[in-house]
Amino acid sequence: MLALRRVLQSVEKGLETLTQKTKDMQKLLDNLEEALIIEQPKTRAKGRPPQARKRSSARKAAPGKKGKRQTATNAVLSAIESSGSGLSTADIKARTGLTEKKIWDIVNRLKRQGKLKSPRRGIYAKA
């Protein structure tokens, strides 16, 4: 009976130690979370807060057209129209700054609509 009591006291002491270590770890974790929350705004870009920033997009007012907005499709179409013999996707990319994927999507849509044709492989001209 005495041996069992000593084992139980040993287990109880171990549990108290574990409980204390758990509380200490929780305090350290809380301090770390507070430090991360405090440091988070420092990593943001300087300037206006995110909700006050204006979205930048490729849509700008078209030259000579008041009230009309320049869409990516209009930018591609006007770039192709301005060239006499047609443009490749690399040329369109250089003139508009759009990605190749976006250019291909736009060109395919314009071809389906009948606004573009392809006189040679990889070259797009106004229909």
C-alpha atoms as a PDB file:
ATOM      1  CA  MET A   1       0.000   0.000   0.000  1.00  0.00           C
ATOM      2  CA  LEU A   2       2.870   2.338   0.804  1.00  0.00           C
ATOM      3  CA  ALA A   3       4.484   1.697  -2.585  1.00  0.00           C
ATOM      4  CA  LEU A   4       1.235   2.517  -4.388  1.00  0.00           C
ATOM      5  CA  ARG A   5       0.930   5.792  -2.450  1.00  0.00           C
ATOM      6  CA  ARG A   6       4.493   6.775  -3.455  1.00  0.00           C
ATOM      7  CA  VAL A   7       3.754   6.003  -7.119  1.00  0.00           C
ATOM      8  CA  LEU A   8       0.583   8.107  -6.992  1.00  0.00           C
ATOM      9  CA  GLN A   9       2.473  11.007  -5.369  1.00  0.00           C
ATOM     10  CA  SER A  10       5.131  10.753  -8.076  1.00  0.00           C
ATOM     11  CA  VAL A  11       2.488  10.796 -10.819  1.00  0.00           C
ATOM     12  CA  GLU A  12       0.755  13.755  -9.152  1.00  0.00           C
ATOM     13  CA  LYS A  13       4.024  15.684  -8.991  1.00  0.00           C
ATOM     14  CA  GLY A  14       4.680  14.909 -12.663  1.00  0.00           C
ATOM     15  CA  LEU A  15       1.219  16.155 -13.624  1.00  0.00           C
ATOM     16  CA  GLU A  16       1.751  19.394 -11.693  1.00  0.00           C
ATOM     17  CA  THR A  17       5.058  19.903 -13.510  1.00  0.00           C
ATOM     18  CA  LEU A  18       3.402  19.259 -16.873  1.00  0.00           C
ATOM     19  CA  THR A  19       0.563  21.642 -16.040  1.00  0.00           C
ATOM     20  CA  GLN A  20       3.039  24.374 -15.115  1.00  0.00           C
ATOM     21  CA  LYS A  21       5.057  23.834 -18.315  1.00  0.00           C
ATOM     22  CA  THR A  22       1.849  23.961 -20.374  1.00  0.00           C
ATOM     23  CA  LYS A  23       0.937  27.314 -18.787  1.00  0.00           C
ATOM     24  CA  ASP A  24       4.446  28.653 -19.471  1.00  0.00           C
ATOM     25  CA  MET A  25       4.242  27.537 -23.111  1.00  0.00           C
ATOM     26  CA  GLN A  26       0.823  29.185 -23.464  1.00  0.00           C
ATOM     27  CA  LYS A  27       2.231  32.486 -22.149  1.00  0.00           C
ATOM     28  CA  LEU A  28       5.126  32.304 -24.616  1.00  0.00           C
ATOM     29  CA  LEU A  29       2.719  31.584 -27.451  1.00  0.00           C
ATOM     30  CA  ASP A  30       0.525  34.542 -26.469  1.00  0.00           C
ATOM     31  CA  ASN A  31       3.572  36.836 -26.392  1.00  0.00           C
ATOM     32  CA  LEU A  32       4.663  35.578 -29.799  1.00  0.00           C
ATOM     33  CA  GLU A  33       1.212  36.162 -31.299  1.00  0.00           C
ATOM     34  CA  GLU A  34       1.159  39.714 -29.899  1.00  0.00           C
ATOM     35  CA  ALA A  35       4.598  40.382 -31.381  1.00  0.00           C
ATOM     36  CA  LEU A  36       3.472  39.113 -34.789  1.00  0.00           C
ATOM     37  CA  ILE A  37       0.330  41.237 -34.695  1.00  0.00           C
ATOM     38  CA  ILE A  38       2.367  44.319 -33.814  1.00  0.00           C
ATOM     39  CA  GLU A  39       4.964  43.668 -36.558  1.00  0.00           C
ATOM     40  CA  GLN A  40       2.418  42.901 -39.278  1.00  0.00           C
ATOM     41  CA  PRO A  41       1.627  46.527 -40.224  1.00  0.00           C
ATOM     42  CA  LYS A  42       5.348  47.221 -40.652  1.00  0.00           C
ATOM     43  CA  THR A  43       5.514  44.784 -43.569  1.00  0.00           C
ATOM     44  CA  ARG A  44       2.803  46.592 -45.542  1.00  0.00           C
ATOM     45  CA  ALA A  45       3.656  48.898 -48.371  1.00  0.00           C
ATOM     46  CA  LYS A  46       3.806  52.549 -47.455  1.00  0.00           C
ATOM     47  CA  GLY A  47       1.033  54.795 -48.623  1.00  0.00           C
ATOM     48  CA  ARG A  48      -2.680  54.775 -48.250  1.00  0.00           C
ATOM     49  CA  PRO A  49      -4.394  51.916 -46.437  1.00  0.00           C
ATOM     50  CA  PRO A  50      -5.539  49.073 -48.726  1.00  0.00           C
ATOM     51  CA  GLN A  51      -9.229  49.957 -48.675  1.00  0.00           C
ATOM     52  CA  ALA A  52      -8.468  53.554 -49.731  1.00  0.00           C
ATOM     53  CA  ARG A  53      -6.232  52.591 -52.675  1.00  0.00           C
ATOM     54  CA  LYS A  54      -7.650  52.825 -56.137  1.00  0.00           C
ATOM     55  CA  ARG A  55      -7.567  49.726 -58.301  1.00  0.00           C
ATOM     56  CA  SER A  56      -5.183  50.035 -61.170  1.00  0.00           C
ATOM     57  CA  SER A  57      -6.304  48.371 -64.329  1.00  0.00           C
ATOM     58  CA  ALA A  58      -5.614  48.386 -68.016  1.00  0.00           C
ATOM     59  CA  ARG A  59      -8.791  50.352 -68.580  1.00  0.00           C
ATOM     60  CA  LYS A  60      -7.887  53.932 -69.336  1.00  0.00           C
ATOM     61  CA  ALA A  61      -9.672  56.543 -71.385  1.00  0.00           C
ATOM     62  CA  ALA A  62      -9.082  55.966 -75.076  1.00  0.00           C
ATOM     63  CA  PRO A  63      -7.338  58.851 -76.844  1.00  0.00           C
ATOM     64  CA  GLY A  64      -9.784  60.999 -78.736  1.00  0.00           C
ATOM     65  CA  LYS A  65     -12.852  59.295 -77.287  1.00  0.00           C
ATOM     66  CA  LYS A  66     -14.398  60.986 -74.299  1.00  0.00           C
ATOM     67  CA  GLY A  67     -16.289  58.808 -71.860  1.00  0.00           C
ATOM     68  CA  LYS A  68     -15.151  55.532 -73.455  1.00  0.00           C
ATOM     69  CA  ARG A  69     -12.882  53.281 -71.443  1.00  0.00           C
ATOM     70  CA  GLN A  70      -9.956  51.462 -73.001  1.00  0.00           C
ATOM     71  CA  THR A  71     -10.437  47.740 -72.465  1.00  0.00           C
ATOM     72  CA  ALA A  72      -7.833  45.085 -73.124  1.00  0.00           C
ATOM     73  CA  THR A  73      -9.817  43.974 -76.163  1.00  0.00           C
ATOM     74  CA  ASN A  74      -9.899  47.528 -77.521  1.00  0.00           C
ATOM     75  CA  ALA A  75      -6.177  47.906 -76.866  1.00  0.00           C
ATOM     76  CA  VAL A  76      -5.387  44.757 -78.863  1.00  0.00           C
ATOM     77  CA  LEU A  77      -7.755  45.701 -81.659  1.00  0.00           C
ATOM     78  CA  SER A  78      -6.398  49.260 -81.937  1.00  0.00           C
ATOM     79  CA  ALA A  79      -2.803  47.969 -81.933  1.00  0.00           C
ATOM     80  CA  ILE A  80      -3.627  45.602 -84.797  1.00  0.00           C
ATOM     81  CA  GLU A  81      -5.566  48.293 -86.675  1.00  0.00           C
ATOM     82  CA  SER A  82      -2.645  50.719 -86.417  1.00  0.00           C
ATOM     83  CA  SER A  83      -0.335  48.263 -88.158  1.00  0.00           C
ATOM     84  CA  GLY A  84      -0.970  47.828 -91.855  1.00  0.00           C
ATOM     85  CA  SER A  85       0.031  44.211 -92.405  1.00  0.00           C
ATOM     86  CA  GLY A  86      -0.837  42.720 -88.999  1.00  0.00           C
ATOM     87  CA  LEU A  87       0.986  41.880 -85.786  1.00  0.00           C
ATOM     88  CA  SER A  88       2.286  38.825 -83.998  1.00  0.00           C
ATOM     89  CA  THR A  89       1.484  38.098 -80.354  1.00  0.00           C
ATOM     90  CA  ALA A  90       4.976  39.294 -79.378  1.00  0.00           C
ATOM     91  CA  ASP A  91       4.356  42.628 -81.121  1.00  0.00           C
ATOM     92  CA  ILE A  92       0.947  42.973 -79.479  1.00  0.00           C
ATOM     93  CA  LYS A  93       2.516  42.164 -76.117  1.00  0.00           C
ATOM     94  CA  ALA A  94       5.161  44.853 -76.623  1.00  0.00           C
ATOM     95  CA  ARG A  95       2.556  47.467 -77.583  1.00  0.00           C
ATOM     96  CA  THR A  96      -0.090  46.687 -74.952  1.00  0.00           C
ATOM     97  CA  GLY A  97       1.830  45.141 -72.052  1.00  0.00           C
ATOM     98  CA  LEU A  98      -0.684  42.295 -71.745  1.00  0.00           C
ATOM     99  CA  THR A  99       0.276  38.689 -71.083  1.00  0.00           C
ATOM    100  CA  GLU A 100       0.443  36.215 -73.955  1.00  0.00           C
ATOM    101  CA  LYS A 101      -2.421  34.170 -72.500  1.00  0.00           C
ATOM    102  CA  LYS A 102      -4.669  37.236 -72.359  1.00  0.00           C
ATOM    103  CA  ILE A 103      -3.674  38.225 -75.897  1.00  0.00           C
ATOM    104  CA  TRP A 104      -4.461  34.742 -77.223  1.00  0.00           C
ATOM    105  CA  ASP A 105      -7.841  34.757 -75.498  1.00  0.00           C
ATOM    106  CA  ILE A 106      -8.693  38.172 -76.941  1.00  0.00           C
ATOM    107  CA  VAL A 107      -7.455  37.296 -80.442  1.00  0.00           C
ATOM    108  CA  ASN A 108      -9.486  34.078 -80.503  1.00  0.00           C
ATOM    109  CA  ARG A 109     -12.595  35.917 -79.342  1.00  0.00           C
ATOM    110  CA  LEU A 110     -12.106  38.627 -81.987  1.00  0.00           C
ATOM    111  CA  LYS A 111     -11.555  35.983 -84.688  1.00  0.00           C
ATOM    112  CA  ARG A 112     -14.828  34.255 -83.728  1.00  0.00           C
ATOM    113  CA  GLN A 113     -16.599  37.636 -83.890  1.00  0.00           C
ATOM    114  CA  GLY A 114     -15.155  38.174 -87.372  1.00  0.00           C
ATOM    115  CA  LYS A 115     -13.180  41.289 -86.425  1.00  0.00           C
ATOM    116  CA  LEU A 116      -9.764  39.679 -86.979  1.00  0.00           C
ATOM    117  CA  LYS A 117      -8.269  37.336 -89.523  1.00  0.00           C
ATOM    118  CA  SER A 118      -5.004  35.483 -89.677  1.00  0.00           C
ATOM    119  CA  PRO A 119      -3.250  36.031 -93.044  1.00  0.00           C
ATOM    120  CA  ARG A 120      -0.283  33.901 -91.926  1.00  0.00           C
ATOM    121  CA  ARG A 121       0.334  31.638 -88.987  1.00  0.00           C
ATOM    122  CA  GLY A 122       0.907  33.744 -85.861  1.00  0.00           C
ATOM    123  CA  ILE A 123       0.053  37.036 -87.571  1.00  0.00           C
ATOM    124  CA  TYR A 124      -3.233  38.791 -86.891  1.00  0.00           C
ATOM    125  CA  ALA A 125      -4.790  41.543 -89.013  1.00  0.00           C
ATOM    126  CA  LYS A 126      -8.070  43.412 -89.147  1.00  0.00           C
ATOM    127  CA  ALA A 127     -10.755  41.546 -91.061  1.00  0.00           C
END
